[in-house]
Amino acid sequence: MPGVPTPAVDMTTQPRPVYVIGAGPGGLAAAAALRARGVRAVIVEKSDTVGASWRRHYDRLHLHTTRRLSALPGLAMPRRFGRWVSRDNVVRYLEKYAEFHELELVTGVEVTRIEPGPEGEGGWTLHASGGRVLTAAAVVVATGFNHTPRLPDWPGVESYGGRLLHAADYRNPQPYAGQDVLVVGVGNTGAEIAADLAEGGAARVRIAVRTAPHIMRRSTAGWPAQRSGILVRRLPVRLVDRLGALVARASVPDLSAYGLPRPATGLYSRVREGAIPVQDVGLVDAVRAGRVEPVAAVDSFDGPEVVLADGSRITPDAVIAATGYSRRLEGLVGHLGVLDERGRPRVHGARTGEGARGLYFTGFTNPISGMFREMALDAEKIAKAVARQPAGRRGADTP
């Protein structure tokens, strides 16, 4: 990989290293924090480069969190990247981060299963592609929040003759110039893709809405929404819901007349359920101008038609499903009892599950205080927890 040396690493070297699975921002941050505390960390990445998921995101994407509050431990983001860092500059930063911290990185290797180490020895055993079996003092799982695109199994979808793709495969509006496009999902990704299409020459853009989102300005009078998110994280949910409603009424126009009403559930109540507010980077103006039309949720497909939940039918040329991702952790750690009913880690950061000492997770939450910021904090906490444990006692509890 240009700019990032990938040394030949003997992955069986003793004493056992800490293995970090995933070379995205969470994995890189954890490895750098461990290295800073004198703990050897080896990153194992299934692709051939760092930041693989970031390289696949759409062209327009920028961080919705500020440059200063998005840096990982030990290396600031360059001022020239601007306040809202672009996708390409995030990738450049991750490359420089791995190089600057001289991280041990093994690419092209996928870890498929993690099991407790041999009885009496503790630690963990990792099964990886190519028949590799690795022994670890501890493991940090950082395989990513946006791991595997999730496409709903809509009735009749196989009969649709138009172009159907997940938002993970969307890059820019150029291929959709002059076309009628339906975007399914009004999270941050769907909202931004809809605005991108409207600005980029699509003839008609509709966005299918199942649940009306909370919409926030990315910045108000120079004050970023992220800082508000940091300040209110520890406040009571009901109080934050009331504050959020007041801020929304003062800063975001009511779009009810356009088919996008204000949500009935409070902002922080929705966050606790896993629904992050939409940071407005063009959707509000596009809806008010009629360039993006909110419609009902998708119910099914019928040949060239998309049947909506209100019974109406539309015939878009293309459907872009911004319907989220699954973590796909079941095969890796599902047998260890560390996942909840939705397949998410029960604990993250420096906390470990019962009977799973030395197994850490980072990057599987999407907090209003900013994912990069939380991964940076998690990295420091994980490194501190690992360094506190004597090398011989790191890892799974002995049965």
Protein backbone atom coordinates (compact mmCIF):
# COMPACT_ATOMS: atom_id res chain seq x y z
CA MET A 1 0.00 0.00 0.00
CA PRO A 2 1.50 3.34 -1.00
CA GLY A 3 2.74 5.35 1.96
CA VAL A 4 2.17 2.61 4.53
CA PRO A 5 4.86 -0.02 5.00
CA THR A 6 3.56 -3.52 5.63
CA PRO A 7 6.39 -5.38 7.34
CA ALA A 8 6.71 -9.11 7.11
CA VAL A 9 5.33 -10.17 10.49
CA ASP A 10 5.87 -13.55 12.10
CA MET A 11 2.39 -13.93 13.56
CA THR A 12 3.47 -16.77 15.84
CA THR A 13 6.22 -14.82 17.62
CA GLN A 14 6.27 -15.21 21.40
CA PRO A 15 5.34 -13.70 23.74
CA ARG A 16 1.85 -13.68 22.35
CA PRO A 17 0.84 -10.32 20.91
CA VAL A 18 -2.50 -8.60 21.16
CA TYR A 19 -4.28 -9.11 17.87
CA VAL A 20 -6.42 -6.28 16.52
CA ILE A 21 -8.92 -7.39 13.89
CA GLY A 22 -9.61 -4.67 11.36
CA ALA A 23 -7.50 -1.81 9.99
CA GLY A 24 -10.15 0.89 10.08
CA PRO A 25 -9.95 3.88 12.42
CA GLY A 26 -10.98 1.85 15.48
CA GLY A 27 -8.38 -0.85 14.92
CA LEU A 28 -5.59 1.58 14.08
CA ALA A 29 -6.34 3.68 17.15
CA ALA A 30 -6.35 0.64 19.45
CA ALA A 31 -3.06 -0.65 18.04
CA ALA A 32 -1.37 2.75 18.40
CA ALA A 33 -2.59 3.16 21.98
CA LEU A 34 -1.35 -0.33 22.87
CA ARG A 35 2.01 0.34 21.26
CA ALA A 36 2.32 3.60 23.23
CA ARG A 37 2.00 1.54 26.43
CA GLY A 38 4.65 -0.95 25.38
CA VAL A 39 2.22 -3.71 24.38
CA ARG A 40 2.87 -5.42 21.07
CA ALA A 41 -0.19 -5.24 18.83
CA VAL A 42 -0.58 -6.85 15.41
CA ILE A 43 -3.39 -5.67 13.13
CA VAL A 44 -4.96 -8.33 10.92
CA GLU A 45 -6.94 -6.94 7.97
CA LYS A 46 -8.81 -9.00 5.40
CA SER A 47 -8.43 -6.42 2.60
CA ASP A 48 -5.14 -5.23 1.16
CA THR A 49 -5.11 -1.78 2.75
CA VAL A 50 -6.08 0.35 5.75
CA GLY A 51 -9.43 2.14 5.81
CA ALA A 52 -11.01 -0.20 3.25
CA SER A 53 -14.60 0.77 4.07
CA TRP A 54 -13.78 4.46 3.86
CA ARG A 55 -12.37 4.00 0.37
CA ARG A 56 -15.70 2.55 -0.76
CA HIS A 57 -17.92 5.40 0.50
CA TYR A 58 -19.58 7.82 -1.92
CA ASP A 59 -17.50 10.69 -3.32
CA ARG A 60 -19.38 13.53 -1.61
CA LEU A 61 -18.96 12.18 1.92
CA HIS A 62 -17.39 14.34 4.64
CA LEU A 63 -17.16 13.68 8.34
CA HIS A 64 -20.12 15.17 10.19
CA THR A 65 -17.80 15.72 13.14
CA THR A 66 -15.13 18.39 13.30
CA ARG A 67 -11.52 17.79 12.40
CA ARG A 68 -10.29 18.64 15.90
CA LEU A 69 -12.69 16.24 17.59
CA SER A 70 -12.09 13.40 15.12
CA ALA A 71 -8.35 12.82 15.51
CA LEU A 72 -7.14 9.43 16.75
CA PRO A 73 -4.63 9.09 19.63
CA GLY A 74 -1.18 10.47 18.97
CA LEU A 75 -1.71 12.29 15.66
CA ALA A 76 -3.75 15.40 14.90
CA MET A 77 -5.55 15.80 11.59
CA PRO A 78 -3.83 18.43 9.40
CA ARG A 79 -5.43 21.87 9.43
CA ARG A 80 -5.41 21.92 5.64
CA PHE A 81 -8.12 19.22 5.68
CA GLY A 82 -10.61 21.88 6.77
CA ARG A 83 -13.26 21.72 9.44
CA TRP A 84 -15.30 18.93 7.83
CA VAL A 85 -12.86 16.33 6.54
CA SER A 86 -13.56 14.73 3.17
CA ARG A 87 -13.59 11.00 2.50
CA ASP A 88 -10.32 11.15 0.58
CA ASN A 89 -8.60 13.07 3.35
CA VAL A 90 -9.87 10.59 5.95
CA VAL A 91 -8.17 7.86 3.91
CA ARG A 92 -4.96 9.91 3.68
CA TYR A 93 -5.06 10.44 7.44
CA LEU A 94 -5.49 6.72 8.16
CA GLU A 95 -2.58 5.86 5.86
CA LYS A 96 -0.37 8.45 7.55
CA TYR A 97 -1.53 7.26 10.98
CA ALA A 98 -0.39 3.68 10.36
CA GLU A 99 2.94 4.92 9.01
CA PHE A 100 3.52 7.48 11.77
CA HIS A 101 2.94 4.97 14.56
CA GLU A 102 4.86 2.21 12.74
CA LEU A 103 2.01 -0.20 13.27
CA GLU A 104 2.44 -3.91 12.57
CA LEU A 105 -0.07 -4.65 9.85
CA VAL A 106 -0.86 -7.94 8.13
CA THR A 107 -3.19 -7.59 5.13
CA GLY A 108 -5.03 -10.18 3.09
CA VAL A 109 -5.79 -12.32 6.15
CA GLU A 110 -9.33 -12.77 7.48
CA VAL A 111 -9.98 -13.96 11.02
CA THR A 112 -13.06 -16.19 10.91
CA ARG A 113 -13.44 -17.47 14.47
CA ILE A 114 -12.18 -16.62 17.94
CA GLU A 115 -12.03 -19.24 20.67
CA PRO A 116 -10.64 -19.34 24.23
CA GLY A 117 -7.02 -20.43 24.41
CA PRO A 118 -5.94 -23.83 25.72
CA GLU A 119 -7.10 -24.71 29.22
CA GLY A 120 -4.70 -23.41 31.81
CA GLU A 121 -2.98 -21.02 29.39
CA GLY A 122 -5.62 -18.34 28.98
CA GLY A 123 -5.51 -16.01 26.02
CA TRP A 124 -7.33 -16.59 22.77
CA THR A 125 -7.00 -18.75 19.66
CA LEU A 126 -7.80 -17.13 16.32
CA HIS A 127 -8.67 -19.15 13.23
CA ALA A 128 -7.88 -17.29 10.03
CA SER A 129 -7.87 -17.75 6.29
CA GLY A 130 -5.30 -20.06 4.78
CA GLY A 131 -5.61 -22.44 7.73
CA ARG A 132 -3.75 -20.07 10.05
CA VAL A 133 -4.12 -20.58 13.80
CA LEU A 134 -2.92 -17.62 15.88
CA THR A 135 -2.50 -17.37 19.63
CA ALA A 136 -3.23 -14.05 21.26
CA ALA A 137 -2.74 -12.57 24.70
CA ALA A 138 -5.84 -10.45 24.06
CA VAL A 139 -8.02 -9.53 21.08
CA VAL A 140 -9.55 -6.25 19.95
CA VAL A 141 -12.39 -6.70 17.47
CA ALA A 142 -12.68 -3.63 15.23
CA THR A 143 -14.28 -5.05 12.09
CA GLY A 144 -16.51 -2.04 11.63
CA PHE A 145 -19.99 -0.62 12.13
CA ASN A 146 -20.62 -0.63 8.36
CA HIS A 147 -19.49 -4.18 7.69
CA THR A 148 -21.99 -5.91 5.41
CA PRO A 149 -24.65 -4.05 3.38
CA ARG A 150 -28.19 -5.03 4.41
CA LEU A 151 -30.80 -5.17 1.65
CA PRO A 152 -34.42 -5.86 2.71
CA ASP A 153 -36.12 -8.91 1.25
CA TRP A 154 -38.98 -6.99 -0.33
CA PRO A 155 -41.77 -9.10 -1.84
CA GLY A 156 -41.51 -9.15 -5.63
CA VAL A 157 -38.11 -7.49 -5.72
CA GLU A 158 -36.82 -10.09 -8.18
CA SER A 159 -39.37 -8.84 -10.74
CA TYR A 160 -38.07 -5.27 -10.73
CA GLY A 161 -36.45 -4.42 -14.06
CA GLY A 162 -34.78 -1.16 -13.05
CA ARG A 163 -31.44 -0.68 -11.40
CA LEU A 164 -31.43 -1.74 -7.74
CA LEU A 165 -28.37 -1.21 -5.55
CA HIS A 166 -27.38 -0.71 -1.95
CA ALA A 167 -26.05 2.70 -0.94
CA ALA A 168 -22.67 1.02 -0.39
CA ASP A 169 -22.37 0.81 -4.18
CA TYR A 170 -23.34 4.45 -4.85
CA ARG A 171 -20.45 6.75 -5.76
CA ASN A 172 -21.80 9.91 -7.38
CA PRO A 173 -24.87 11.19 -9.30
CA GLN A 174 -23.31 11.04 -12.76
CA PRO A 175 -24.81 7.66 -13.82
CA TYR A 176 -28.30 8.88 -12.80
CA ALA A 177 -28.42 12.13 -14.76
CA GLY A 178 -31.90 12.58 -16.26
CA GLN A 179 -33.30 9.57 -14.38
CA ASP A 180 -36.10 9.07 -11.88
CA VAL A 181 -34.46 7.76 -8.69
CA LEU A 182 -35.96 6.47 -5.45
CA VAL A 183 -33.74 6.52 -2.35
CA VAL A 184 -34.98 4.18 0.37
CA GLY A 185 -34.13 5.28 3.91
CA VAL A 186 -33.73 8.71 5.45
CA GLY A 187 -30.74 8.25 7.71
CA ASN A 188 -27.61 10.31 7.15
CA THR A 189 -26.55 8.26 4.13
CA GLY A 190 -29.94 8.29 2.41
CA ALA A 191 -30.46 11.99 3.08
CA GLU A 192 -27.08 12.93 1.66
CA ILE A 193 -27.37 10.69 -1.40
CA ALA A 194 -30.81 12.16 -2.16
CA ALA A 195 -29.41 15.71 -1.97
CA ASP A 196 -26.42 14.66 -4.08
CA LEU A 197 -28.68 13.23 -6.79
CA ALA A 198 -30.87 16.35 -6.80
CA GLU A 199 -27.85 18.60 -7.19
CA GLY A 200 -26.19 16.28 -9.71
CA GLY A 201 -28.80 16.23 -12.46
CA ALA A 202 -31.28 13.44 -11.66
CA ALA A 203 -34.63 14.27 -13.26
CA ARG A 204 -36.63 13.31 -10.19
CA VAL A 205 -35.58 12.24 -6.70
CA ARG A 206 -37.87 10.70 -4.12
CA ILE A 207 -36.92 9.45 -0.68
CA ALA A 208 -38.93 6.70 1.01
CA VAL A 209 -39.50 7.39 4.69
CA ARG A 210 -40.64 4.75 7.18
CA THR A 211 -40.02 6.77 10.34
CA ALA A 212 -39.53 10.54 10.24
CA PRO A 213 -36.00 11.39 11.42
CA HIS A 214 -34.73 14.08 13.71
CA ILE A 215 -32.89 16.62 11.57
CA MET A 216 -30.16 18.85 12.95
CA ARG A 217 -27.95 21.51 11.47
CA ARG A 218 -24.38 20.28 11.33
CA SER A 219 -23.36 23.64 12.73
CA THR A 220 -25.38 26.58 14.07
CA ALA A 221 -23.72 30.00 14.35
CA GLY A 222 -20.36 28.24 14.27
CA TRP A 223 -21.27 25.79 17.06
CA PRO A 224 -21.06 22.20 15.79
CA ALA A 225 -23.85 19.78 16.70
CA GLN A 226 -21.15 17.33 17.80
CA ARG A 227 -20.20 19.55 20.75
CA SER A 228 -23.82 19.59 21.87
CA GLY A 229 -23.83 15.82 21.59
CA ILE A 230 -20.79 15.60 23.85
CA LEU A 231 -22.32 17.95 26.44
CA VAL A 232 -25.67 16.17 26.71
CA ARG A 233 -24.58 12.52 26.63
CA ARG A 234 -24.72 12.12 30.40
CA LEU A 235 -27.91 14.12 30.94
CA PRO A 236 -31.32 12.49 31.57
CA VAL A 237 -33.00 11.29 28.37
CA ARG A 238 -36.19 13.29 28.93
CA LEU A 239 -34.26 16.51 29.45
CA VAL A 240 -32.25 16.02 26.26
CA ASP A 241 -35.46 15.20 24.37
CA ARG A 242 -36.95 18.54 25.47
CA LEU A 243 -33.78 20.46 24.64
CA GLY A 244 -33.57 18.75 21.25
CA ALA A 245 -37.12 19.73 20.41
CA LEU A 246 -36.45 23.37 21.28
CA VAL A 247 -33.28 23.47 19.18
CA ALA A 248 -35.01 21.80 16.23
CA ARG A 249 -37.86 24.30 16.23
CA ALA A 250 -35.42 27.20 16.35
CA SER A 251 -32.99 25.98 13.70
CA VAL A 252 -34.77 23.59 11.32
CA PRO A 253 -37.97 24.54 9.43
CA ASP A 254 -41.05 22.36 9.79
CA LEU A 255 -41.23 20.09 6.73
CA SER A 256 -44.60 18.52 7.57
CA ALA A 257 -46.25 20.14 4.53
CA TYR A 258 -43.69 18.41 2.34
CA GLY A 259 -44.32 14.95 3.82
CA LEU A 260 -41.53 14.98 6.41
CA PRO A 261 -43.12 15.77 9.80
CA ARG A 262 -41.27 16.25 13.04
CA PRO A 263 -40.89 12.92 14.87
CA ALA A 264 -43.16 12.07 17.76
CA THR A 265 -40.40 10.38 19.75
CA GLY A 266 -37.73 12.55 21.41
CA LEU A 267 -34.28 12.93 19.90
CA TYR A 268 -32.28 11.21 22.62
CA SER A 269 -34.92 8.51 23.06
CA ARG A 270 -34.37 7.67 19.40
CA VAL A 271 -30.61 7.74 19.86
CA ARG A 272 -30.89 5.20 22.67
CA GLU A 273 -32.80 2.99 20.22
CA GLY A 274 -29.95 3.29 17.71
CA ALA A 275 -31.32 6.04 15.44
CA ILE A 276 -28.86 8.91 15.03
CA PRO A 277 -30.21 12.35 13.98
CA VAL A 278 -29.71 13.38 10.38
CA GLN A 279 -27.06 16.06 10.02
CA ASP A 280 -28.41 18.37 7.35
CA VAL A 281 -26.00 18.88 4.48
CA GLY A 282 -28.57 19.81 1.83
CA LEU A 283 -31.71 17.73 2.40
CA VAL A 284 -33.80 20.48 4.03
CA ASP A 285 -33.27 22.95 1.18
CA ALA A 286 -33.79 20.23 -1.43
CA VAL A 287 -37.12 19.18 0.13
CA ARG A 288 -38.36 22.77 0.43
CA ALA A 289 -37.41 23.45 -3.18
CA GLY A 290 -39.20 20.31 -4.39
CA ARG A 291 -36.00 18.73 -5.68
CA VAL A 292 -36.38 15.82 -3.23
CA GLU A 293 -39.88 14.43 -2.56
CA PRO A 294 -40.53 12.40 0.60
CA VAL A 295 -42.84 9.43 -0.01
CA ALA A 296 -44.12 6.50 2.04
CA ALA A 297 -41.97 3.49 2.88
CA VAL A 298 -41.44 0.74 0.32
CA ASP A 299 -43.85 -2.17 0.77
CA SER A 300 -43.09 -4.36 -2.24
CA PHE A 301 -42.19 -4.50 -5.92
CA ASP A 302 -44.47 -5.40 -8.82
CA GLY A 303 -42.56 -5.63 -12.08
CA PRO A 304 -41.39 -2.10 -12.96
CA GLU A 305 -43.45 -0.59 -10.13
CA VAL A 306 -42.53 0.06 -6.53
CA VAL A 307 -45.53 -0.31 -4.22
CA LEU A 308 -45.44 2.08 -1.27
CA ALA A 309 -46.94 1.59 2.19
CA ASP A 310 -49.77 4.05 1.45
CA GLY A 311 -50.83 1.98 -1.58
CA SER A 312 -49.42 4.32 -4.21
CA ARG A 313 -47.22 3.02 -7.00
CA ILE A 314 -44.23 4.64 -8.65
CA THR A 315 -41.95 3.56 -11.51
CA PRO A 316 -38.42 4.80 -10.81
CA ASP A 317 -35.54 4.03 -13.14
CA ALA A 318 -33.32 3.21 -10.18
CA VAL A 319 -33.72 2.34 -6.51
CA ILE A 320 -30.89 3.06 -4.08
CA ALA A 321 -31.37 1.29 -0.74
CA ALA A 322 -29.81 3.23 2.13
CA THR A 323 -31.01 0.49 4.47
CA GLY A 324 -28.02 0.08 6.71
CA TYR A 325 -25.48 -2.60 7.47
CA SER A 326 -25.13 -5.68 9.64
CA ARG A 327 -22.09 -6.26 11.86
CA ARG A 328 -21.75 -9.96 10.93
CA LEU A 329 -20.09 -10.91 14.20
CA GLU A 330 -22.04 -14.14 14.73
CA GLY A 331 -19.53 -16.43 13.04
CA LEU A 332 -16.60 -14.71 14.68
CA VAL A 333 -17.74 -14.52 18.31
CA GLY A 334 -21.42 -15.53 18.40
CA HIS A 335 -20.62 -18.75 20.27
CA LEU A 336 -18.98 -16.82 23.14
CA GLY A 337 -22.17 -15.24 24.50
CA VAL A 338 -20.88 -11.71 23.97
CA LEU A 339 -23.55 -10.52 21.49
CA ASP A 340 -27.06 -9.26 22.17
CA GLU A 341 -30.22 -10.38 20.35
CA ARG A 342 -29.45 -7.99 17.48
CA GLY A 343 -25.94 -9.31 16.96
CA ARG A 344 -24.21 -6.33 18.57
CA PRO A 345 -21.51 -6.56 21.26
CA ARG A 346 -23.06 -6.40 24.72
CA VAL A 347 -20.15 -4.30 25.96
CA HIS A 348 -17.52 -2.18 24.26
CA GLY A 349 -14.35 -0.29 25.05
CA ALA A 350 -12.43 -1.50 28.10
CA ARG A 351 -15.34 -3.57 29.42
CA THR A 352 -15.38 -7.30 28.68
CA GLY A 353 -18.14 -9.85 28.85
CA GLU A 354 -18.46 -12.49 31.53
CA GLY A 355 -15.97 -15.28 30.82
CA ALA A 356 -14.41 -13.25 28.01
CA ARG A 357 -11.61 -11.36 29.74
CA GLY A 358 -9.20 -9.94 27.20
CA LEU A 359 -11.77 -9.75 24.37
CA TYR A 360 -12.56 -6.13 23.50
CA PHE A 361 -14.84 -4.42 20.97
CA THR A 362 -14.56 -0.95 19.49
CA GLY A 363 -16.38 0.93 16.74
CA PHE A 364 -19.74 -0.81 17.07
CA THR A 365 -21.69 2.15 18.42
CA ASN A 366 -22.73 5.32 16.62
CA PRO A 367 -22.93 7.96 19.39
CA ILE A 368 -24.07 11.55 18.94
CA SER A 369 -20.69 12.63 20.31
CA GLY A 370 -18.95 11.31 17.20
CA MET A 371 -17.77 7.83 16.25
CA PHE A 372 -14.11 8.80 15.67
CA ARG A 373 -13.98 10.55 19.04
CA GLU A 374 -15.46 7.56 20.85
CA MET A 375 -13.10 5.13 19.11
CA ALA A 376 -10.17 7.29 20.21
CA LEU A 377 -11.41 7.20 23.81
CA ASP A 378 -12.06 3.45 23.60
CA ALA A 379 -8.53 2.88 22.31
CA GLU A 380 -6.94 4.56 25.30
CA LYS A 381 -9.20 2.68 27.74
CA ILE A 382 -8.53 -0.68 26.10
CA ALA A 383 -4.77 -0.09 26.08
CA LYS A 384 -4.84 0.85 29.75
CA ALA A 385 -6.87 -2.25 30.65
CA VAL A 386 -4.58 -4.58 28.68
CA ALA A 387 -1.40 -3.04 30.08
CA ARG A 388 -2.72 -3.45 33.63
CA GLN A 389 -3.01 -7.21 33.24
CA PRO A 390 0.13 -9.32 33.73
CA ALA A 391 1.03 -10.92 30.40
CA GLY A 392 0.38 -14.41 31.73
CA ARG A 393 -3.14 -13.53 32.88
CA ARG A 394 -4.44 -11.77 29.77
CA GLY A 395 -7.22 -13.48 27.90
CA ALA A 396 -10.24 -15.69 28.49
CA ASP A 397 -11.05 -17.01 31.91
CA THR A 398 -9.92 -20.60 32.29
CA PRO A 399 -12.94 -22.95 32.26
